Amino acid sequence: MNSRGNPITGSQVRSILKNEIYKGYVHICKSISRNVITGDPDKEQYSKYVKNHHEAIVSEEVWDLVEKRLRENSEKYSRKAAQGRKEDVLAMIEEGMSQAEIVEYLGISISQVKYTASKLRKEGRLEGKTAEEKSPGRQRSREVEERMEKVYAAVKDGHGNDVADYLGMKYTEAHYALKKLEQGGRIRLEKKGWVAA
């Protein structure tokens, strides 16, 4: 728990782990105030990096190891996230979602959707055209409608918190179905999870 009584977030932990003050270093005058009009420094200021400013809580070797691990994890996560996004885009295109729906759902740009679709085609994993290229008004396939009905039944049966696991489907597919059912007024999100409306 943090000082406000809230759970500590991952970004707060990361910020603590990256703070050099714990290894006895301090960076004085990290920012320089500037005149808004001219852009010149308002005062004669300098930036100074002081090693061994105070007694370290952790050794420099431990701190460096943590930094190395954070960097490695970040690089691995970035590659995993990109691969996961590619899988999500593929699943959504196969479901017949429009590019606009994919953009809205994944929070990425239309150019990222098009680029990912072209990469999937080059890999031979996506044949044919996206929903827009085939027909802008294309309706959802029967398979997608059946999936939505399965998700709705699972929510009615009390599995609103673990629909994807309960039905053995991809998280993105389950989440998309839940959002569509919510938009249609058939389910709603409460503190205990998704429930039938």
N, C-alpha and C. Protein backbone atom coordinates (compact mmCIF):
# COMPACT_ATOMS: atom_id res chain seq x y z
N MET A 1 0.83 -1.18 0.00
CA MET A 1 0.00 0.00 0.00
C MET A 1 0.89 1.26 0.00
N ASN A 2 0.45 2.25 -0.74
CA ASN A 2 1.20 3.49 -0.76
C ASN A 2 0.77 4.40 0.40
N SER A 3 1.30 5.60 0.44
CA SER A 3 1.01 6.51 1.56
C SER A 3 -0.46 6.92 1.62
N ARG A 4 -1.17 6.80 0.50
CA ARG A 4 -2.59 7.15 0.47
C ARG A 4 -3.49 5.96 0.78
N GLY A 5 -2.88 4.81 1.03
CA GLY A 5 -3.66 3.62 1.36
C GLY A 5 -4.12 2.84 0.14
N ASN A 6 -3.63 3.21 -1.05
CA ASN A 6 -3.98 2.51 -2.29
C ASN A 6 -2.93 1.46 -2.61
N PRO A 7 -3.30 0.42 -3.35
CA PRO A 7 -2.29 -0.57 -3.74
C PRO A 7 -1.22 0.08 -4.62
N ILE A 8 0.01 -0.37 -4.46
CA ILE A 8 1.11 0.15 -5.27
C ILE A 8 0.99 -0.44 -6.67
N THR A 9 1.12 0.41 -7.69
CA THR A 9 1.00 -0.04 -9.07
C THR A 9 2.36 -0.49 -9.60
N GLY A 10 2.32 -1.19 -10.71
CA GLY A 10 3.55 -1.65 -11.35
C GLY A 10 4.45 -0.49 -11.77
N SER A 11 3.84 0.59 -12.25
CA SER A 11 4.65 1.73 -12.68
C SER A 11 5.31 2.41 -11.49
N GLN A 12 4.66 2.40 -10.31
CA GLN A 12 5.27 2.98 -9.12
C GLN A 12 6.47 2.14 -8.69
N VAL A 13 6.33 0.82 -8.73
CA VAL A 13 7.45 -0.06 -8.38
C VAL A 13 8.61 0.16 -9.35
N ARG A 14 8.28 0.24 -10.63
CA ARG A 14 9.31 0.46 -11.65
C ARG A 14 10.03 1.79 -11.41
N SER A 15 9.28 2.82 -11.05
CA SER A 15 9.86 4.13 -10.77
C SER A 15 10.82 4.05 -9.58
N ILE A 16 10.45 3.31 -8.56
CA ILE A 16 11.32 3.12 -7.39
C ILE A 16 12.59 2.38 -7.80
N LEU A 17 12.43 1.31 -8.59
CA LEU A 17 13.59 0.51 -8.99
C LEU A 17 14.56 1.29 -9.88
N LYS A 18 14.05 2.27 -10.63
CA LYS A 18 14.91 3.03 -11.55
C LYS A 18 15.50 4.29 -10.90
N ASN A 19 15.10 4.59 -9.66
CA ASN A 19 15.56 5.81 -9.00
C ASN A 19 16.98 5.63 -8.47
N GLU A 20 17.91 6.41 -9.00
CA GLU A 20 19.33 6.29 -8.65
C GLU A 20 19.64 6.74 -7.23
N ILE A 21 18.69 7.40 -6.60
CA ILE A 21 18.94 7.89 -5.25
C ILE A 21 19.21 6.73 -4.28
N TYR A 22 18.66 5.56 -4.59
CA TYR A 22 18.83 4.39 -3.71
C TYR A 22 20.24 3.82 -3.74
N LYS A 23 21.00 4.16 -4.78
CA LYS A 23 22.40 3.69 -4.81
C LYS A 23 23.36 4.80 -4.40
N GLY A 24 22.81 5.88 -3.82
CA GLY A 24 23.64 6.96 -3.29
C GLY A 24 23.94 8.07 -4.27
N TYR A 25 23.27 8.10 -5.43
CA TYR A 25 23.52 9.13 -6.44
C TYR A 25 22.40 10.17 -6.37
N VAL A 26 22.74 11.36 -6.79
CA VAL A 26 21.72 12.40 -6.90
C VAL A 26 22.03 13.26 -8.12
N HIS A 27 20.96 13.69 -8.79
CA HIS A 27 21.10 14.55 -9.97
C HIS A 27 20.50 15.90 -9.59
N ILE A 28 21.33 16.90 -9.49
CA ILE A 28 20.90 18.22 -9.07
C ILE A 28 20.58 19.05 -10.30
N CYS A 29 19.48 19.79 -10.25
CA CYS A 29 19.03 20.66 -11.35
C CYS A 29 18.80 19.86 -12.62
N LYS A 30 17.87 18.92 -12.54
CA LYS A 30 17.56 18.11 -13.71
C LYS A 30 16.93 18.95 -14.82
N SER A 31 16.18 19.99 -14.45
CA SER A 31 15.56 20.83 -15.48
C SER A 31 16.02 22.27 -15.31
N ILE A 32 16.03 22.96 -16.39
CA ILE A 32 16.46 24.36 -16.38
C ILE A 32 15.25 25.21 -16.74
N SER A 33 14.95 26.20 -15.90
CA SER A 33 13.83 27.08 -16.23
C SER A 33 14.27 28.05 -17.31
N ARG A 34 13.38 28.27 -18.27
CA ARG A 34 13.72 29.12 -19.42
C ARG A 34 12.70 30.25 -19.56
N ASN A 35 13.14 31.31 -20.18
CA ASN A 35 12.27 32.41 -20.51
C ASN A 35 11.30 31.93 -21.59
N VAL A 36 10.00 32.13 -21.36
CA VAL A 36 8.98 31.63 -22.28
C VAL A 36 9.09 32.26 -23.66
N ILE A 37 9.46 33.51 -23.73
CA ILE A 37 9.49 34.23 -25.01
C ILE A 37 10.78 33.94 -25.78
N THR A 38 11.93 34.09 -25.11
CA THR A 38 13.21 33.95 -25.82
C THR A 38 13.74 32.51 -25.81
N GLY A 39 13.34 31.73 -24.81
CA GLY A 39 13.85 30.37 -24.70
C GLY A 39 15.19 30.29 -24.00
N ASP A 40 15.74 31.47 -23.60
CA ASP A 40 17.03 31.50 -22.90
C ASP A 40 16.83 31.15 -21.43
N PRO A 41 17.89 30.62 -20.79
CA PRO A 41 17.78 30.34 -19.36
C PRO A 41 17.51 31.63 -18.58
N ASP A 42 16.58 31.55 -17.61
CA ASP A 42 16.27 32.72 -16.79
C ASP A 42 17.43 33.06 -15.87
N LYS A 43 18.09 32.04 -15.39
CA LYS A 43 19.20 32.24 -14.46
C LYS A 43 20.36 31.38 -14.92
N GLU A 44 21.52 31.67 -14.40
CA GLU A 44 22.69 30.84 -14.68
C GLU A 44 22.50 29.55 -13.88
N GLN A 45 22.17 28.45 -14.58
CA GLN A 45 21.94 27.18 -13.90
C GLN A 45 22.81 26.10 -14.51
N TYR A 46 23.01 25.07 -13.78
CA TYR A 46 23.81 23.96 -14.26
C TYR A 46 23.18 22.65 -13.81
N SER A 47 23.57 21.61 -14.46
CA SER A 47 23.12 20.28 -14.10
C SER A 47 24.32 19.53 -13.54
N LYS A 48 24.16 18.98 -12.35
CA LYS A 48 25.29 18.33 -11.71
C LYS A 48 24.88 16.94 -11.24
N TYR A 49 25.70 15.95 -11.56
CA TYR A 49 25.46 14.56 -11.19
C TYR A 49 26.44 14.21 -10.08
N VAL A 50 25.94 13.89 -8.89
CA VAL A 50 26.80 13.66 -7.75
C VAL A 50 26.74 12.19 -7.33
N LYS A 51 27.91 11.51 -7.40
CA LYS A 51 28.00 10.12 -6.95
C LYS A 51 28.34 10.12 -5.46
N ASN A 52 27.89 9.09 -4.77
CA ASN A 52 28.15 8.94 -3.34
C ASN A 52 27.74 10.18 -2.55
N HIS A 53 26.64 10.76 -2.92
CA HIS A 53 26.10 11.94 -2.25
C HIS A 53 25.65 11.60 -0.83
N HIS A 54 25.13 10.41 -0.67
CA HIS A 54 24.65 9.93 0.63
C HIS A 54 24.85 8.42 0.70
N GLU A 55 24.61 7.85 1.85
CA GLU A 55 24.80 6.40 2.01
C GLU A 55 23.77 5.65 1.17
N ALA A 56 24.25 4.70 0.39
CA ALA A 56 23.38 3.94 -0.50
C ALA A 56 22.57 2.90 0.28
N ILE A 57 21.35 2.65 -0.18
CA ILE A 57 20.52 1.60 0.40
C ILE A 57 20.86 0.26 -0.24
N VAL A 58 21.16 0.30 -1.55
CA VAL A 58 21.58 -0.91 -2.27
C VAL A 58 22.92 -0.63 -2.92
N SER A 59 23.69 -1.69 -3.12
CA SER A 59 24.99 -1.51 -3.76
C SER A 59 24.81 -1.18 -5.24
N GLU A 60 25.83 -0.57 -5.80
CA GLU A 60 25.78 -0.20 -7.22
C GLU A 60 25.65 -1.45 -8.10
N GLU A 61 26.29 -2.56 -7.70
CA GLU A 61 26.23 -3.81 -8.46
C GLU A 61 24.80 -4.35 -8.51
N VAL A 62 24.12 -4.35 -7.36
CA VAL A 62 22.73 -4.84 -7.31
C VAL A 62 21.84 -3.93 -8.15
N TRP A 63 22.02 -2.60 -8.01
CA TRP A 63 21.21 -1.66 -8.75
C TRP A 63 21.39 -1.87 -10.26
N ASP A 64 22.66 -2.07 -10.69
CA ASP A 64 22.94 -2.30 -12.11
C ASP A 64 22.32 -3.60 -12.61
N LEU A 65 22.33 -4.64 -11.78
CA LEU A 65 21.69 -5.91 -12.16
C LEU A 65 20.18 -5.74 -12.35
N VAL A 66 19.58 -4.99 -11.44
CA VAL A 66 18.14 -4.72 -11.56
C VAL A 66 17.85 -3.96 -12.84
N GLU A 67 18.65 -2.94 -13.14
CA GLU A 67 18.46 -2.16 -14.36
C GLU A 67 18.59 -3.04 -15.60
N LYS A 68 19.57 -3.93 -15.58
CA LYS A 68 19.76 -4.84 -16.72
C LYS A 68 18.54 -5.73 -16.89
N ARG A 69 18.01 -6.26 -15.79
CA ARG A 69 16.83 -7.13 -15.85
C ARG A 69 15.61 -6.36 -16.33
N LEU A 70 15.43 -5.13 -15.86
CA LEU A 70 14.30 -4.30 -16.31
C LEU A 70 14.38 -4.05 -17.82
N ARG A 71 15.60 -3.75 -18.31
CA ARG A 71 15.79 -3.53 -19.74
C ARG A 71 15.44 -4.77 -20.55
N GLU A 72 15.94 -5.94 -20.10
CA GLU A 72 15.68 -7.20 -20.80
C GLU A 72 14.18 -7.50 -20.82
N ASN A 73 13.52 -7.33 -19.67
CA ASN A 73 12.08 -7.59 -19.60
C ASN A 73 11.30 -6.65 -20.50
N SER A 74 11.73 -5.38 -20.54
CA SER A 74 11.05 -4.40 -21.38
C SER A 74 11.16 -4.78 -22.86
N GLU A 75 12.36 -5.19 -23.28
CA GLU A 75 12.56 -5.59 -24.68
C GLU A 75 11.75 -6.84 -25.01
N LYS A 76 11.74 -7.81 -24.07
CA LYS A 76 10.98 -9.03 -24.29
C LYS A 76 9.49 -8.73 -24.37
N TYR A 77 9.00 -7.85 -23.47
CA TYR A 77 7.58 -7.49 -23.46
C TYR A 77 7.20 -6.78 -24.74
N SER A 78 8.07 -5.88 -25.23
CA SER A 78 7.76 -5.15 -26.46
C SER A 78 7.58 -6.11 -27.63
N ARG A 79 8.48 -7.12 -27.74
CA ARG A 79 8.34 -8.11 -28.81
C ARG A 79 7.07 -8.93 -28.62
N LYS A 80 6.79 -9.33 -27.36
CA LYS A 80 5.59 -10.12 -27.08
C LYS A 80 4.33 -9.33 -27.39
N ALA A 81 4.33 -8.04 -27.00
CA ALA A 81 3.16 -7.19 -27.23
C ALA A 81 2.89 -7.05 -28.72
N ALA A 82 3.95 -6.86 -29.51
CA ALA A 82 3.78 -6.72 -30.96
C ALA A 82 3.23 -8.01 -31.55
N GLN A 83 3.74 -9.15 -31.09
CA GLN A 83 3.24 -10.44 -31.58
C GLN A 83 1.80 -10.65 -31.15
N GLY A 84 1.48 -10.27 -29.91
CA GLY A 84 0.11 -10.41 -29.42
C GLY A 84 -0.84 -9.54 -30.20
N ARG A 85 -0.41 -8.31 -30.54
CA ARG A 85 -1.26 -7.41 -31.32
C ARG A 85 -1.51 -8.00 -32.70
N LYS A 86 -0.48 -8.63 -33.28
CA LYS A 86 -0.65 -9.24 -34.60
C LYS A 86 -1.70 -10.35 -34.53
N GLU A 87 -1.64 -11.15 -33.47
CA GLU A 87 -2.62 -12.23 -33.30
C GLU A 87 -4.03 -11.67 -33.11
N ASP A 88 -4.13 -10.58 -32.35
CA ASP A 88 -5.43 -9.95 -32.12
C ASP A 88 -6.01 -9.42 -33.42
N VAL A 89 -5.17 -8.74 -34.21
CA VAL A 89 -5.64 -8.19 -35.49
C VAL A 89 -6.09 -9.32 -36.41
N LEU A 90 -5.33 -10.41 -36.47
CA LEU A 90 -5.70 -11.55 -37.30
C LEU A 90 -7.05 -12.11 -36.88
N ALA A 91 -7.23 -12.34 -35.57
CA ALA A 91 -8.50 -12.89 -35.08
C ALA A 91 -9.67 -11.97 -35.41
N MET A 92 -9.46 -10.68 -35.26
CA MET A 92 -10.54 -9.72 -35.51
C MET A 92 -10.88 -9.61 -36.99
N ILE A 93 -9.87 -9.66 -37.85
CA ILE A 93 -10.13 -9.63 -39.29
C ILE A 93 -10.89 -10.89 -39.69
N GLU A 94 -10.47 -12.04 -39.15
CA GLU A 94 -11.15 -13.30 -39.47
C GLU A 94 -12.59 -13.30 -38.99
N GLU A 95 -12.87 -12.55 -37.91
CA GLU A 95 -14.25 -12.44 -37.41
C GLU A 95 -15.09 -11.49 -38.24
N GLY A 96 -14.42 -10.75 -39.12
CA GLY A 96 -15.16 -9.82 -39.98
C GLY A 96 -15.28 -8.43 -39.40
N MET A 97 -14.47 -8.11 -38.40
CA MET A 97 -14.51 -6.77 -37.82
C MET A 97 -13.97 -5.76 -38.84
N SER A 98 -14.53 -4.58 -38.81
CA SER A 98 -14.03 -3.52 -39.69
C SER A 98 -12.74 -2.96 -39.12
N GLN A 99 -11.99 -2.27 -39.97
CA GLN A 99 -10.74 -1.65 -39.50
C GLN A 99 -11.04 -0.63 -38.41
N ALA A 100 -12.13 0.11 -38.56
CA ALA A 100 -12.49 1.10 -37.55
C ALA A 100 -12.77 0.43 -36.20
N GLU A 101 -13.43 -0.72 -36.22
CA GLU A 101 -13.71 -1.45 -34.98
C GLU A 101 -12.41 -1.94 -34.34
N ILE A 102 -11.48 -2.42 -35.17
CA ILE A 102 -10.19 -2.90 -34.65
C ILE A 102 -9.42 -1.74 -34.03
N VAL A 103 -9.43 -0.59 -34.71
CA VAL A 103 -8.75 0.61 -34.20
C VAL A 103 -9.33 0.99 -32.84
N GLU A 104 -10.65 1.01 -32.75
CA GLU A 104 -11.32 1.40 -31.51
C GLU A 104 -11.03 0.40 -30.39
N TYR A 105 -11.09 -0.87 -30.71
CA TYR A 105 -10.93 -1.91 -29.70
C TYR A 105 -9.49 -2.00 -29.19
N LEU A 106 -8.51 -1.99 -30.09
CA LEU A 106 -7.11 -2.16 -29.69
C LEU A 106 -6.41 -0.85 -29.36
N GLY A 107 -7.03 0.28 -29.73
CA GLY A 107 -6.41 1.57 -29.44
C GLY A 107 -5.16 1.82 -30.27
N ILE A 108 -5.16 1.34 -31.52
CA ILE A 108 -4.03 1.57 -32.41
C ILE A 108 -4.53 2.35 -33.62
N SER A 109 -3.62 2.83 -34.45
CA SER A 109 -4.01 3.64 -35.60
C SER A 109 -4.44 2.74 -36.76
N ILE A 110 -5.15 3.33 -37.71
CA ILE A 110 -5.60 2.61 -38.89
C ILE A 110 -4.39 2.13 -39.70
N SER A 111 -3.33 2.95 -39.73
CA SER A 111 -2.13 2.54 -40.47
C SER A 111 -1.47 1.33 -39.82
N GLN A 112 -1.53 1.21 -38.49
CA GLN A 112 -0.99 0.03 -37.82
C GLN A 112 -1.80 -1.22 -38.17
N VAL A 113 -3.12 -1.06 -38.29
CA VAL A 113 -3.98 -2.19 -38.67
C VAL A 113 -3.62 -2.63 -40.09
N LYS A 114 -3.51 -1.67 -41.01
CA LYS A 114 -3.18 -2.01 -42.41
C LYS A 114 -1.80 -2.63 -42.51
N TYR A 115 -0.83 -2.07 -41.78
CA TYR A 115 0.53 -2.61 -41.80
C TYR A 115 0.55 -4.05 -41.27
N THR A 116 -0.14 -4.28 -40.16
CA THR A 116 -0.20 -5.62 -39.57
C THR A 116 -0.86 -6.60 -40.52
N ALA A 117 -1.94 -6.17 -41.19
CA ALA A 117 -2.62 -7.03 -42.15
C ALA A 117 -1.69 -7.38 -43.31
N SER A 118 -0.90 -6.41 -43.77
CA SER A 118 0.02 -6.69 -44.88
C SER A 118 1.12 -7.66 -44.44
N LYS A 119 1.61 -7.53 -43.19
CA LYS A 119 2.62 -8.47 -42.68
C LYS A 119 2.03 -9.88 -42.58
N LEU A 120 0.79 -9.97 -42.13
CA LEU A 120 0.14 -11.28 -42.02
C LEU A 120 -0.03 -11.93 -43.39
N ARG A 121 -0.34 -11.11 -44.41
CA ARG A 121 -0.46 -11.64 -45.77
C ARG A 121 0.89 -12.16 -46.26
N LYS A 122 1.96 -11.39 -46.01
CA LYS A 122 3.30 -11.81 -46.44
C LYS A 122 3.71 -13.12 -45.76
N GLU A 123 3.27 -13.30 -44.52
CA GLU A 123 3.57 -14.54 -43.78
C GLU A 123 2.69 -15.69 -44.24
N GLY A 124 1.68 -15.38 -45.06
CA GLY A 124 0.76 -16.42 -45.53
C GLY A 124 -0.30 -16.80 -44.52
N ARG A 125 -0.49 -15.97 -43.51
CA ARG A 125 -1.46 -16.28 -42.46
C ARG A 125 -2.80 -15.60 -42.69
N LEU A 126 -2.83 -14.66 -43.61
CA LEU A 126 -4.08 -13.96 -43.91
C LEU A 126 -4.27 -13.99 -45.41
N GLU A 127 -5.33 -14.64 -45.83
CA GLU A 127 -5.61 -14.71 -47.25
C GLU A 127 -6.78 -13.80 -47.56
N GLY A 128 -6.79 -13.29 -48.74
CA GLY A 128 -7.91 -12.46 -49.15
C GLY A 128 -7.84 -11.06 -48.60
N LYS A 129 -8.99 -10.49 -48.44
CA LYS A 129 -9.08 -9.08 -48.10
C LYS A 129 -9.72 -8.88 -46.75
N THR A 130 -9.52 -7.68 -46.20
CA THR A 130 -10.17 -7.32 -44.94
C THR A 130 -11.64 -7.03 -45.23
N ALA A 131 -12.41 -6.85 -44.19
CA ALA A 131 -13.84 -6.60 -44.34
C ALA A 131 -14.12 -5.40 -45.24
N GLU A 132 -13.34 -4.31 -45.09
CA GLU A 132 -13.56 -3.13 -45.92
C GLU A 132 -13.27 -3.42 -47.38
N GLU A 133 -12.23 -4.20 -47.63
CA GLU A 133 -11.84 -4.49 -49.01
C GLU A 133 -12.86 -5.39 -49.69
N LYS A 134 -13.52 -6.24 -48.91
CA LYS A 134 -14.53 -7.13 -49.48
C LYS A 134 -15.85 -6.39 -49.67
N SER A 135 -16.36 -5.86 -48.59
CA SER A 135 -17.64 -5.17 -48.63
C SER A 135 -17.80 -4.36 -47.35
N PRO A 136 -17.91 -3.05 -47.45
CA PRO A 136 -18.00 -2.23 -46.24
C PRO A 136 -19.16 -2.58 -45.33
N GLY A 137 -20.26 -3.05 -45.86
CA GLY A 137 -21.43 -3.34 -45.04
C GLY A 137 -21.54 -4.80 -44.64
N ARG A 138 -20.45 -5.52 -44.68
CA ARG A 138 -20.47 -6.96 -44.41
C ARG A 138 -21.01 -7.27 -43.02
N GLN A 139 -21.91 -8.21 -42.91
CA GLN A 139 -22.51 -8.59 -41.63
C GLN A 139 -21.63 -9.61 -40.92
N ARG A 140 -21.80 -9.70 -39.62
CA ARG A 140 -21.07 -10.68 -38.82
C ARG A 140 -21.44 -12.09 -39.26
N SER A 141 -20.45 -12.95 -39.23
CA SER A 141 -20.71 -14.34 -39.61
C SER A 141 -21.51 -15.04 -38.52
N ARG A 142 -22.10 -16.15 -38.90
CA ARG A 142 -22.89 -16.95 -37.95
C ARG A 142 -22.02 -17.40 -36.78
N GLU A 143 -20.77 -17.70 -37.07
CA GLU A 143 -19.83 -18.15 -36.03
C GLU A 143 -19.65 -17.08 -34.95
N VAL A 144 -19.53 -15.83 -35.34
CA VAL A 144 -19.36 -14.75 -34.38
C VAL A 144 -20.63 -14.59 -33.55
N GLU A 145 -21.78 -14.67 -34.19
CA GLU A 145 -23.05 -14.56 -33.46
C GLU A 145 -23.19 -15.71 -32.45
N GLU A 146 -22.79 -16.91 -32.85
CA GLU A 146 -22.85 -18.05 -31.94
C GLU A 146 -21.92 -17.84 -30.76
N ARG A 147 -20.74 -17.29 -31.02
CA ARG A 147 -19.79 -17.03 -29.95
C ARG A 147 -20.38 -16.03 -28.96
N MET A 148 -21.04 -15.00 -29.47
CA MET A 148 -21.66 -14.01 -28.59
C MET A 148 -22.74 -14.65 -27.73
N GLU A 149 -23.50 -15.56 -28.32
CA GLU A 149 -24.54 -16.25 -27.55
C GLU A 149 -23.93 -17.14 -26.47
N LYS A 150 -22.81 -17.79 -26.77
CA LYS A 150 -22.12 -18.61 -25.76
C LYS A 150 -21.62 -17.74 -24.61
N VAL A 151 -21.07 -16.59 -24.95
CA VAL A 151 -20.58 -15.67 -23.92
C VAL A 151 -21.74 -15.19 -23.06
N TYR A 152 -22.85 -14.85 -23.69
CA TYR A 152 -24.03 -14.40 -22.95
C TYR A 152 -24.52 -15.49 -22.00
N ALA A 153 -24.57 -16.73 -22.49
CA ALA A 153 -25.00 -17.85 -21.64
C ALA A 153 -24.04 -18.04 -20.46
N ALA A 154 -22.74 -17.89 -20.71
CA ALA A 154 -21.75 -18.04 -19.64
C ALA A 154 -21.93 -16.96 -18.58
N VAL A 155 -22.23 -15.74 -19.01
CA VAL A 155 -22.47 -14.64 -18.06
C VAL A 155 -23.72 -14.94 -17.24
N LYS A 156 -24.76 -15.40 -17.91
CA LYS A 156 -26.00 -15.74 -17.19
C LYS A 156 -25.77 -16.85 -16.18
N ASP A 157 -24.85 -17.77 -16.48
CA ASP A 157 -24.54 -18.88 -15.57
C ASP A 157 -23.58 -18.48 -14.45
N GLY A 158 -23.19 -17.20 -14.39
CA GLY A 158 -22.35 -16.73 -13.30
C GLY A 158 -20.86 -16.76 -13.58
N HIS A 159 -20.47 -16.86 -14.85
CA HIS A 159 -19.05 -16.87 -15.21
C HIS A 159 -18.62 -15.55 -15.83
N GLY A 160 -19.16 -14.44 -15.33
CA GLY A 160 -18.86 -13.12 -15.87
C GLY A 160 -17.43 -12.67 -15.68
N ASN A 161 -16.73 -13.26 -14.71
CA ASN A 161 -15.35 -12.85 -14.46
C ASN A 161 -14.33 -13.70 -15.20
N ASP A 162 -14.73 -14.88 -15.67
CA ASP A 162 -13.77 -15.79 -16.31
C ASP A 162 -14.32 -16.41 -17.59
N VAL A 163 -15.00 -15.60 -18.37
CA VAL A 163 -15.65 -16.08 -19.60
C VAL A 163 -14.67 -16.77 -20.54
N ALA A 164 -13.53 -16.13 -20.80
CA ALA A 164 -12.56 -16.68 -21.75
C ALA A 164 -12.06 -18.04 -21.29
N ASP A 165 -11.69 -18.15 -20.02
CA ASP A 165 -11.21 -19.43 -19.49
C ASP A 165 -12.32 -20.47 -19.47
N TYR A 166 -13.49 -20.06 -19.05
CA TYR A 166 -14.64 -20.98 -18.96
C TYR A 166 -15.00 -21.57 -20.32
N LEU A 167 -14.95 -20.73 -21.35
CA LEU A 167 -15.34 -21.18 -22.69
C LEU A 167 -14.14 -21.65 -23.52
N GLY A 168 -12.93 -21.45 -23.01
CA GLY A 168 -11.73 -21.86 -23.74
C GLY A 168 -11.50 -21.06 -25.01
N MET A 169 -11.76 -19.75 -24.93
CA MET A 169 -11.56 -18.90 -26.11
C MET A 169 -10.52 -17.83 -25.80
N LYS A 170 -10.03 -17.19 -26.85
CA LYS A 170 -9.05 -16.13 -26.68
C LYS A 170 -9.66 -14.98 -25.88
N TYR A 171 -8.82 -14.34 -25.08
CA TYR A 171 -9.29 -13.23 -24.26
C TYR A 171 -9.88 -12.12 -25.14
N THR A 172 -9.22 -11.81 -26.26
CA THR A 172 -9.72 -10.72 -27.11
C THR A 172 -11.09 -11.04 -27.69
N GLU A 173 -11.30 -12.31 -28.05
CA GLU A 173 -12.61 -12.71 -28.59
C GLU A 173 -13.69 -12.55 -27.53
N ALA A 174 -13.39 -13.02 -26.31
CA ALA A 174 -14.36 -12.93 -25.22
C ALA A 174 -14.63 -11.47 -24.87
N HIS A 175 -13.57 -10.66 -24.81
CA HIS A 175 -13.73 -9.25 -24.45
C HIS A 175 -14.55 -8.51 -25.51
N TYR A 176 -14.27 -8.80 -26.77
CA TYR A 176 -15.04 -8.17 -27.84
C TYR A 176 -16.53 -8.54 -27.72
N ALA A 177 -16.81 -9.81 -27.48
CA ALA A 177 -18.20 -10.26 -27.33
C ALA A 177 -18.85 -9.58 -26.13
N LEU A 178 -18.13 -9.48 -25.01
CA LEU A 178 -18.68 -8.82 -23.82
C LEU A 178 -19.02 -7.36 -24.11
N LYS A 179 -18.12 -6.66 -24.81
CA LYS A 179 -18.37 -5.25 -25.12
C LYS A 179 -19.59 -5.10 -26.06
N LYS A 180 -19.69 -5.98 -27.04
CA LYS A 180 -20.83 -5.91 -27.97
C LYS A 180 -22.13 -6.22 -27.23
N LEU A 181 -22.11 -7.19 -26.33
CA LEU A 181 -23.30 -7.52 -25.54
C LEU A 181 -23.67 -6.36 -24.62
N GLU A 182 -22.65 -5.69 -24.07
CA GLU A 182 -22.92 -4.53 -23.21
C GLU A 182 -23.54 -3.40 -24.04
N GLN A 183 -23.00 -3.16 -25.23
CA GLN A 183 -23.54 -2.11 -26.10
C GLN A 183 -24.98 -2.42 -26.48
N GLY A 184 -25.27 -3.71 -26.62
CA GLY A 184 -26.63 -4.12 -26.96
C GLY A 184 -27.57 -4.14 -25.77
N GLY A 185 -27.05 -3.84 -24.58
CA GLY A 185 -27.89 -3.78 -23.39
C GLY A 185 -28.22 -5.13 -22.79
N ARG A 186 -27.54 -6.18 -23.22
CA ARG A 186 -27.86 -7.52 -22.72
C ARG A 186 -27.11 -7.86 -21.44
N ILE A 187 -25.95 -7.22 -21.21
CA ILE A 187 -25.19 -7.43 -19.98
C ILE A 187 -24.70 -6.08 -19.48
N ARG A 188 -24.25 -6.06 -18.23
CA ARG A 188 -23.68 -4.84 -17.66
C ARG A 188 -22.55 -5.23 -16.72
N LEU A 189 -21.64 -4.29 -16.51
CA LEU A 189 -20.50 -4.53 -15.64
C LEU A 189 -20.79 -3.97 -14.26
N GLU A 190 -20.69 -4.83 -13.25
CA GLU A 190 -20.85 -4.41 -11.86
C GLU A 190 -19.57 -4.70 -11.12
N LYS A 191 -19.52 -4.35 -9.82
CA LYS A 191 -18.31 -4.57 -9.04
C LYS A 191 -17.90 -6.03 -9.03
N LYS A 192 -18.87 -6.93 -8.99
CA LYS A 192 -18.55 -8.37 -8.94
C LYS A 192 -18.24 -8.96 -10.30
N GLY A 193 -18.38 -8.18 -11.37
CA GLY A 193 -18.08 -8.64 -12.72
C GLY A 193 -19.28 -8.47 -13.65
N TRP A 194 -19.20 -9.12 -14.80
CA TRP A 194 -20.27 -9.02 -15.80
C TRP A 194 -21.49 -9.81 -15.35
N VAL A 195 -22.67 -9.20 -15.50
CA VAL A 195 -23.93 -9.88 -15.16
C VAL A 195 -24.93 -9.59 -16.27
N ALA A 196 -25.91 -10.49 -16.38
CA ALA A 196 -26.98 -10.30 -17.38
C ALA A 196 -27.82 -9.11 -16.96
N ALA A 197 -28.25 -8.33 -17.95
CA ALA A 197 -29.03 -7.11 -17.66
C ALA A 197 -30.48 -7.46 -17.36
